[in-house]
C-alpha atoms as a PDB file:
ATOM      1  CA  MET A   1      -6.276   8.354 -41.080  1.00  0.00           C
ATOM      2  CA  LYS A   2      -5.341   6.101 -37.882  1.00  0.00           C
ATOM      3  CA  PRO A   3      -6.364   2.856 -38.849  1.00  0.00           C
ATOM      4  CA  ALA A   4      -7.934   2.584 -35.332  1.00  0.00           C
ATOM      5  CA  LEU A   5     -10.669   5.357 -36.424  1.00  0.00           C
ATOM      6  CA  LEU A   6     -12.023   3.015 -39.223  1.00  0.00           C
ATOM      7  CA  LEU A   7     -13.359   0.591 -36.626  1.00  0.00           C
ATOM      8  CA  ILE A   8     -15.531   3.231 -34.564  1.00  0.00           C
ATOM      9  CA  PRO A   9     -18.478   3.185 -36.898  1.00  0.00           C
ATOM     10  CA  LEU A  10     -18.409  -0.367 -36.872  1.00  0.00           C
ATOM     11  CA  LEU A  11     -18.567   0.243 -32.841  1.00  0.00           C
ATOM     12  CA  ILE A  12     -20.899   3.013 -32.882  1.00  0.00           C
ATOM     13  CA  GLY A  13     -23.552   0.819 -34.917  1.00  0.00           C
ATOM     14  CA  THR A  14     -22.946  -2.999 -32.373  1.00  0.00           C
ATOM     15  CA  VAL A  15     -23.523  -0.779 -29.653  1.00  0.00           C
ATOM     16  CA  LEU A  16     -26.689   1.085 -31.261  1.00  0.00           C
ATOM     17  CA  PHE A  17     -27.963  -2.087 -31.794  1.00  0.00           C
ATOM     18  CA  LEU A  18     -26.736  -3.580 -27.900  1.00  0.00           C
ATOM     19  CA  ILE A  19     -28.678  -0.914 -26.485  1.00  0.00           C
ATOM     20  CA  ARG A  20     -31.718  -1.571 -28.530  1.00  0.00           C
ATOM     21  CA  ALA A  21     -31.429  -5.164 -27.507  1.00  0.00           C
ATOM     22  CA  GLY A  22     -31.310  -4.333 -23.912  1.00  0.00           C
ATOM     23  CA  PHE A  23     -34.364  -2.220 -23.865  1.00  0.00           C
ATOM     24  CA  LEU A  24     -36.241  -4.882 -26.012  1.00  0.00           C
ATOM     25  CA  LYS A  25     -34.722  -7.350 -23.230  1.00  0.00           C
ATOM     26  CA  ASN A  26     -33.989  -9.575 -26.382  1.00  0.00           C
ATOM     27  CA  GLN A  27     -31.175 -11.433 -24.366  1.00  0.00           C
ATOM     28  CA  ARG A  28     -29.963 -13.312 -27.728  1.00  0.00           C
ATOM     29  CA  GLN A  29     -28.925 -10.224 -29.296  1.00  0.00           C
ATOM     30  CA  ILE A  30     -27.363  -9.207 -25.997  1.00  0.00           C
ATOM     31  CA  TYR A  31     -25.419 -12.234 -26.144  1.00  0.00           C
ATOM     32  CA  ILE A  32     -24.033 -11.603 -29.815  1.00  0.00           C
ATOM     33  CA  PHE A  33     -23.564  -7.574 -29.771  1.00  0.00           C
ATOM     34  CA  LYS A  34     -21.990  -7.060 -26.033  1.00  0.00           C
ATOM     35  CA  PRO A  35     -18.874  -9.153 -26.819  1.00  0.00           C
ATOM     36  CA  VAL A  36     -18.351  -8.188 -30.233  1.00  0.00           C
ATOM     37  CA  SER A  37     -18.541  -4.415 -29.008  1.00  0.00           C
ATOM     38  CA  THR A  38     -15.429  -5.249 -26.316  1.00  0.00           C
ATOM     39  CA  LEU A  39     -13.815  -7.027 -29.036  1.00  0.00           C
ATOM     40  CA  LEU A  40     -13.961  -4.084 -31.617  1.00  0.00           C
ATOM     41  CA  VAL A  41     -12.566  -2.077 -28.386  1.00  0.00           C
ATOM     42  CA  ILE A  42     -10.083  -4.445 -27.964  1.00  0.00           C
ATOM     43  CA  ALA A  43      -8.963  -4.317 -31.671  1.00  0.00           C
ATOM     44  CA  VAL A  44      -8.667  -0.885 -31.535  1.00  0.00           C
ATOM     45  CA  ALA A  45      -6.102  -0.951 -28.785  1.00  0.00           C
ATOM     46  CA  LEU A  46      -4.397  -3.264 -30.862  1.00  0.00           C
ATOM     47  CA  LEU A  47      -3.882  -1.152 -33.655  1.00  0.00           C
ATOM     48  CA  PRO A  48      -1.144   1.030 -32.303  1.00  0.00           C
ATOM     49  CA  LEU A  49       0.958  -2.077 -32.659  1.00  0.00           C
ATOM     50  CA  LEU A  50       0.746  -0.892 -36.465  1.00  0.00           C
ATOM     51  CA  GLU A  51       2.158   2.692 -35.946  1.00  0.00           C
ATOM     52  CA  PRO A  52       5.487   3.707 -36.420  1.00  0.00           C
ATOM     53  CA  GLU A  53       4.782   5.941 -32.792  1.00  0.00           C
ATOM     54  CA  GLN A  54       4.232   3.798 -30.230  1.00  0.00           C
ATOM     55  CA  ASN A  55       4.181   3.131 -26.311  1.00  0.00           C
ATOM     56  CA  LEU A  56       4.556  -0.607 -25.508  1.00  0.00           C
ATOM     57  CA  THR A  57       3.846   0.264 -21.565  1.00  0.00           C
ATOM     58  CA  TYR A  58       0.562   1.978 -22.449  1.00  0.00           C
ATOM     59  CA  THR A  59      -0.590  -0.650 -25.209  1.00  0.00           C
ATOM     60  CA  LEU A  60      -0.089  -3.456 -23.358  1.00  0.00           C
ATOM     61  CA  GLY A  61      -1.818  -1.966 -20.139  1.00  0.00           C
ATOM     62  CA  VAL A  62      -4.911  -1.168 -22.089  1.00  0.00           C
ATOM     63  CA  MET A  63      -4.850  -4.625 -23.416  1.00  0.00           C
ATOM     64  CA  ILE A  64      -4.677  -6.167 -20.057  1.00  0.00           C
ATOM     65  CA  GLY A  65      -7.266  -3.842 -18.472  1.00  0.00           C
ATOM     66  CA  LEU A  66      -9.647  -4.624 -21.698  1.00  0.00           C
ATOM     67  CA  PHE A  67      -8.977  -8.510 -21.463  1.00  0.00           C
ATOM     68  CA  LEU A  68     -10.207  -8.051 -17.801  1.00  0.00           C
ATOM     69  CA  SER A  69     -13.368  -5.756 -19.133  1.00  0.00           C
ATOM     70  CA  PHE A  70     -14.386  -8.227 -21.688  1.00  0.00           C
ATOM     71  CA  GLY A  71     -14.465 -10.931 -18.418  1.00  0.00           C
ATOM     72  CA  GLY A  72     -16.475  -8.593 -16.894  1.00  0.00           C
ATOM     73  CA  ASP A  73     -18.619  -7.717 -19.698  1.00  0.00           C
ATOM     74  CA  LEU A  74     -19.732 -11.931 -20.286  1.00  0.00           C
ATOM     75  CA  ALA A  75     -20.329 -12.029 -16.810  1.00  0.00           C
ATOM     76  CA  LEU A  76     -22.579  -9.019 -16.678  1.00  0.00           C
ATOM     77  CA  MET A  77     -24.627 -10.226 -19.194  1.00  0.00           C
ATOM     78  CA  PHE A  78     -26.344 -12.722 -16.857  1.00  0.00           C
ATOM     79  CA  GLN A  79     -26.213  -9.922 -13.924  1.00  0.00           C
ATOM     80  CA  GLU A  80     -29.393 -10.320 -12.235  1.00  0.00           C
ATOM     81  CA  ASN A  81     -27.605 -13.548 -11.031  1.00  0.00           C
ATOM     82  CA  ARG A  82     -25.632 -12.342  -7.602  1.00  0.00           C
ATOM     83  CA  LYS A  83     -23.033 -14.500  -8.444  1.00  0.00           C
ATOM     84  CA  ALA A  84     -22.253 -13.662 -11.800  1.00  0.00           C
ATOM     85  CA  PHE A  85     -22.514 -10.037 -10.875  1.00  0.00           C
ATOM     86  CA  MET A  86     -20.184 -10.380  -7.797  1.00  0.00           C
ATOM     87  CA  LEU A  87     -17.671 -11.853 -10.929  1.00  0.00           C
ATOM     88  CA  GLY A  88     -18.015  -9.019 -13.111  1.00  0.00           C
ATOM     89  CA  LEU A  89     -17.461  -6.498 -10.132  1.00  0.00           C
ATOM     90  CA  ILE A  90     -14.261  -8.360  -9.502  1.00  0.00           C
ATOM     91  CA  PHE A  91     -12.994  -8.522 -13.096  1.00  0.00           C
ATOM     92  CA  PHE A  92     -13.856  -5.089 -13.127  1.00  0.00           C
ATOM     93  CA  LEU A  93     -11.726  -3.796 -10.251  1.00  0.00           C
ATOM     94  CA  LEU A  94      -8.887  -5.924 -11.778  1.00  0.00           C
ATOM     95  CA  ALA A  95      -9.180  -3.280 -14.806  1.00  0.00           C
ATOM     96  CA  ASN A  96      -9.751  -0.482 -13.245  1.00  0.00           C
ATOM     97  CA  LEU A  97      -6.621  -1.293 -11.246  1.00  0.00           C
ATOM     98  CA  VAL A  98      -5.005  -2.106 -14.136  1.00  0.00           C
ATOM     99  CA  TYR A  99      -5.511   1.323 -15.405  1.00  0.00           C
ATOM    100  CA  CYS A 100      -5.118   2.848 -12.440  1.00  0.00           C
ATOM    101  CA  GLY A 101      -1.656   1.135 -12.513  1.00  0.00           C
ATOM    102  CA  ILE A 102      -0.606   2.637 -16.051  1.00  0.00           C
ATOM    103  CA  PHE A 103      -2.298   5.889 -15.499  1.00  0.00           C
ATOM    104  CA  ALA A 104       0.308   6.619 -12.580  1.00  0.00           C
ATOM    105  CA  LEU A 105       3.370   4.646 -14.107  1.00  0.00           C
ATOM    106  CA  LEU A 106       3.052   7.341 -17.088  1.00  0.00           C
ATOM    107  CA  GLY A 107       1.370  10.475 -15.542  1.00  0.00           C
ATOM    108  CA  ARG A 108       3.087  12.830 -13.534  1.00  0.00           C
ATOM    109  CA  PHE A 109       1.738  13.806  -9.874  1.00  0.00           C
ATOM    110  CA  THR A 110       1.343  17.748  -9.182  1.00  0.00           C
ATOM    111  CA  THR A 111      -0.213  19.731  -6.340  1.00  0.00           C
ATOM    112  CA  TRP A 112      -3.046  19.861  -8.719  1.00  0.00           C
ATOM    113  CA  ASP A 113      -3.835  16.385  -8.565  1.00  0.00           C
ATOM    114  CA  PHE A 114      -5.156  17.201  -4.864  1.00  0.00           C
ATOM    115  CA  LEU A 115      -8.769  18.805  -7.182  1.00  0.00           C
ATOM    116  CA  PRO A 116      -9.635  16.014  -8.850  1.00  0.00           C
ATOM    117  CA  MET A 117      -8.819  13.908  -5.787  1.00  0.00           C
ATOM    118  CA  ALA A 118     -11.228  15.928  -3.295  1.00  0.00           C
ATOM    119  CA  LEU A 119     -13.781  16.428  -6.143  1.00  0.00           C
ATOM    120  CA  LEU A 120     -13.611  12.069  -6.386  1.00  0.00           C
ATOM    121  CA  THR A 121     -13.598  11.575  -3.055  1.00  0.00           C
ATOM    122  CA  ALA A 122     -16.897  13.694  -2.355  1.00  0.00           C
ATOM    123  CA  ALA A 123     -18.720  12.283  -4.900  1.00  0.00           C
ATOM    124  CA  GLY A 124     -17.747   8.477  -3.938  1.00  0.00           C
ATOM    125  CA  ILE A 125     -18.846   9.310  -0.068  1.00  0.00           C
ATOM    126  CA  GLY A 126     -22.194  10.928  -1.232  1.00  0.00           C
ATOM    127  CA  PHE A 127     -22.715   8.297  -3.865  1.00  0.00           C
ATOM    128  CA  TYR A 128     -22.066   5.431  -1.033  1.00  0.00           C
ATOM    129  CA  VAL A 129     -24.398   6.749   1.152  1.00  0.00           C
ATOM    130  CA  LEU A 130     -26.966   7.316  -1.426  1.00  0.00           C
ATOM    131  CA  ILE A 131     -26.797   3.474  -2.195  1.00  0.00           C
ATOM    132  CA  ARG A 132     -25.773   1.857   1.314  1.00  0.00           C
ATOM    133  CA  PRO A 133     -29.465   1.152   2.562  1.00  0.00           C
ATOM    134  CA  LYS A 134     -29.299  -1.362  -0.219  1.00  0.00           C
ATOM    135  CA  LEU A 135     -26.324  -3.025  -0.866  1.00  0.00           C
ATOM    136  CA  GLY A 136     -26.213  -5.748   1.857  1.00  0.00           C
ATOM    137  CA  LYS A 137     -23.377  -8.040   1.544  1.00  0.00           C
ATOM    138  CA  MET A 138     -22.203  -6.453  -1.116  1.00  0.00           C
ATOM    139  CA  ARG A 139     -20.843  -3.297   0.961  1.00  0.00           C
ATOM    140  CA  VAL A 140     -17.420  -3.801   1.113  1.00  0.00           C
ATOM    141  CA  PRO A 141     -16.949  -4.684  -2.723  1.00  0.00           C
ATOM    142  CA  VAL A 142     -18.609  -1.772  -3.415  1.00  0.00           C
ATOM    143  CA  ILE A 143     -16.623   0.668  -1.285  1.00  0.00           C
ATOM    144  CA  ALA A 144     -13.582  -1.251  -2.409  1.00  0.00           C
ATOM    145  CA  TYR A 145     -14.780  -0.604  -6.111  1.00  0.00           C
ATOM    146  CA  ILE A 146     -16.083   2.933  -5.639  1.00  0.00           C
ATOM    147  CA  VAL A 147     -12.233   3.575  -3.955  1.00  0.00           C
ATOM    148  CA  LEU A 148     -10.736   1.778  -6.991  1.00  0.00           C
ATOM    149  CA  ILE A 149     -12.390   3.284 -10.065  1.00  0.00           C
ATOM    150  CA  SER A 150     -11.822   6.882  -8.352  1.00  0.00           C
ATOM    151  CA  ALA A 151      -8.256   6.356  -7.620  1.00  0.00           C
ATOM    152  CA  MET A 152      -8.393   5.717 -11.562  1.00  0.00           C
ATOM    153  CA  VAL A 153     -10.026   8.690 -12.696  1.00  0.00           C
ATOM    154  CA  SER A 154      -7.412  10.697 -10.456  1.00  0.00           C
ATOM    155  CA  ARG A 155      -4.903   8.917 -12.092  1.00  0.00           C
ATOM    156  CA  ALA A 156      -6.333   9.321 -15.506  1.00  0.00           C
ATOM    157  CA  ALA A 157      -6.117  13.289 -14.767  1.00  0.00           C
ATOM    158  CA  SER A 158      -2.304  12.842 -13.833  1.00  0.00           C
ATOM    159  CA  THR A 159      -1.978  12.400 -17.512  1.00  0.00           C
ATOM    160  CA  LEU A 160      -2.733  15.533 -18.310  1.00  0.00           C
ATOM    161  CA  ASN A 161       0.723  16.460 -16.819  1.00  0.00           C
ATOM    162  CA  SER A 162       2.957  13.888 -18.020  1.00  0.00           C
ATOM    163  CA  PRO A 163       5.397  14.578 -21.211  1.00  0.00           C
ATOM    164  CA  VAL A 164       4.699  11.187 -22.355  1.00  0.00           C
ATOM    165  CA  PHE A 165       1.357  12.644 -23.948  1.00  0.00           C
ATOM    166  CA  LYS A 166       0.268  15.273 -26.222  1.00  0.00           C
ATOM    167  CA  LYS A 167      -2.550  17.268 -24.665  1.00  0.00           C
ATOM    168  CA  SER A 168      -5.280  15.542 -26.903  1.00  0.00           C
ATOM    169  CA  GLN A 169      -4.324  12.053 -25.515  1.00  0.00           C
ATOM    170  CA  ALA A 170      -4.024  12.900 -22.448  1.00  0.00           C
ATOM    171  CA  LEU A 171      -7.841  14.796 -22.714  1.00  0.00           C
ATOM    172  CA  MET A 172      -9.057  11.386 -24.681  1.00  0.00           C
ATOM    173  CA  ILE A 173      -7.821   9.485 -21.327  1.00  0.00           C
ATOM    174  CA  VAL A 174      -9.614  11.814 -18.828  1.00  0.00           C
ATOM    175  CA  ALA A 175     -12.446  11.863 -20.856  1.00  0.00           C
ATOM    176  CA  GLY A 176     -12.464   8.139 -21.064  1.00  0.00           C
ATOM    177  CA  ALA A 177     -12.087   7.296 -17.235  1.00  0.00           C
ATOM    178  CA  VAL A 178     -14.881   9.844 -16.899  1.00  0.00           C
ATOM    179  CA  LEU A 179     -17.221   8.371 -19.290  1.00  0.00           C
ATOM    180  CA  PHE A 180     -16.358   4.883 -17.368  1.00  0.00           C
ATOM    181  CA  TYR A 181     -17.072   6.203 -14.427  1.00  0.00           C
ATOM    182  CA  ILE A 182     -20.350   7.797 -15.258  1.00  0.00           C
ATOM    183  CA  SER A 183     -21.447   3.818 -16.375  1.00  0.00           C
ATOM    184  CA  ASP A 184     -20.734   2.554 -13.586  1.00  0.00           C
ATOM    185  CA  VAL A 185     -22.614   4.749 -11.311  1.00  0.00           C
ATOM    186  CA  ILE A 186     -25.664   4.707 -13.515  1.00  0.00           C
ATOM    187  CA  LEU A 187     -25.219   0.708 -13.407  1.00  0.00           C
ATOM    188  CA  ALA A 188     -24.894   1.173  -9.316  1.00  0.00           C
ATOM    189  CA  ALA A 189     -27.777   3.254  -9.198  1.00  0.00           C
ATOM    190  CA  ASN A 190     -30.333   1.113 -10.835  1.00  0.00           C
ATOM    191  CA  ARG A 191     -29.150  -1.655  -9.001  1.00  0.00           C
ATOM    192  CA  PHE A 192     -28.749  -0.571  -5.456  1.00  0.00           C
ATOM    193  CA  TRP A 193     -30.863   2.692  -5.539  1.00  0.00           C
ATOM    194  CA  LYS A 194     -34.081   2.988  -8.176  1.00  0.00           C
ATOM    195  CA  PRO A 195     -34.500   0.675 -10.786  1.00  0.00           C
ATOM    196  CA  TRP A 196     -34.330   3.482 -14.028  1.00  0.00           C
ATOM    197  CA  LYS A 197     -35.817   1.997 -17.590  1.00  0.00           C
ATOM    198  CA  TYR A 198     -33.468   3.485 -19.406  1.00  0.00           C
ATOM    199  CA  ASN A 199     -30.549   2.526 -17.748  1.00  0.00           C
ATOM    200  CA  ARG A 200     -28.978   0.347 -21.101  1.00  0.00           C
ATOM    201  CA  ILE A 201     -27.975   3.932 -21.799  1.00  0.00           C
ATOM    202  CA  SER A 202     -25.276   3.669 -19.490  1.00  0.00           C
ATOM    203  CA  LEU A 203     -23.360   1.381 -22.125  1.00  0.00           C
ATOM    204  CA  ALA A 204     -22.644   4.625 -24.754  1.00  0.00           C
ATOM    205  CA  PHE A 205     -21.185   5.655 -21.890  1.00  0.00           C
ATOM    206  CA  TYR A 206     -18.939   2.679 -21.368  1.00  0.00           C
ATOM    207  CA  TYR A 207     -17.977   2.206 -24.765  1.00  0.00           C
ATOM    208  CA  SER A 208     -17.192   5.383 -25.250  1.00  0.00           C
ATOM    209  CA  GLY A 209     -15.179   5.578 -22.367  1.00  0.00           C
ATOM    210  CA  GLN A 210     -12.931   2.152 -23.207  1.00  0.00           C
ATOM    211  CA  LEU A 211     -12.794   3.628 -26.751  1.00  0.00           C
ATOM    212  CA  LEU A 212     -10.939   6.633 -26.211  1.00  0.00           C
ATOM    213  CA  ILE A 213      -8.731   5.066 -23.517  1.00  0.00           C
ATOM    214  CA  ALA A 214      -7.903   2.656 -26.517  1.00  0.00           C
ATOM    215  CA  LEU A 215      -7.990   5.482 -29.461  1.00  0.00           C
ATOM    216  CA  ALA A 216      -5.524   7.475 -26.910  1.00  0.00           C
ATOM    217  CA  GLY A 217      -2.202   4.519 -27.744  1.00  0.00           C
ATOM    218  CA  SER A 218      -2.741   5.196 -31.630  1.00  0.00           C
ATOM    219  CA  TYR A 219      -1.351   9.502 -31.030  1.00  0.00           C
ATOM    220  CA  PHE A 220       2.055   8.777 -29.598  1.00  0.00           C
ATOM    221  CA  VAL A 221       5.095  10.561 -31.308  1.00  0.00           C
ATOM    222  CA  LEU A 222       8.575   9.771 -31.836  1.00  0.00           C
ATOM    223  CA  SER A 223      10.645  11.481 -28.650  1.00  0.00           C
ATOM    224  CA  LEU A 224      13.219  13.291 -30.415  1.00  0.00           C
END
């Protein structure tokens, strides 16, 4: 069994407690379980360094993305404050930029890439039109974020055609990127469109997505 798999039950537990704390509006528990959950994902990303087969470029890229995400997670614990929300957005912009770069570097561009690009562009434009009336001064950073996370998901899809990744790895990366995307859609819709009392469920999508991206690093095989 891969060592990283041993951390998954613990992560599930901390994320469930985090979601529960969000519903109960228990900030003290949120301050505990959110950083701990992200640190567990970082540990999952680090464990491939113990594997005989690894891709150091992928592992280091994901680690940088996760540490930036950790900064974003800390900032978004105070998201009711506009400056904290903006800081969290910047951290996640940078995290998505890193993920986009690592997926593009190790992925392979083909003509099929135009399909996810077209779908993500249409989804991004549609979502922007939906939330635009309430964006105010956040319009430019939100547009930048939509563009960048869409590019990240698109580049994640390019790993499906890359000889660097096994098919199972690529599927984990794509699923992780899509779950990350969904979590951000829920977060943005709650803030800029209609408040939803169950918006904390976005955390399940977010941590599942980050976990799959991190876990993919444990499944490289030696090239012959």
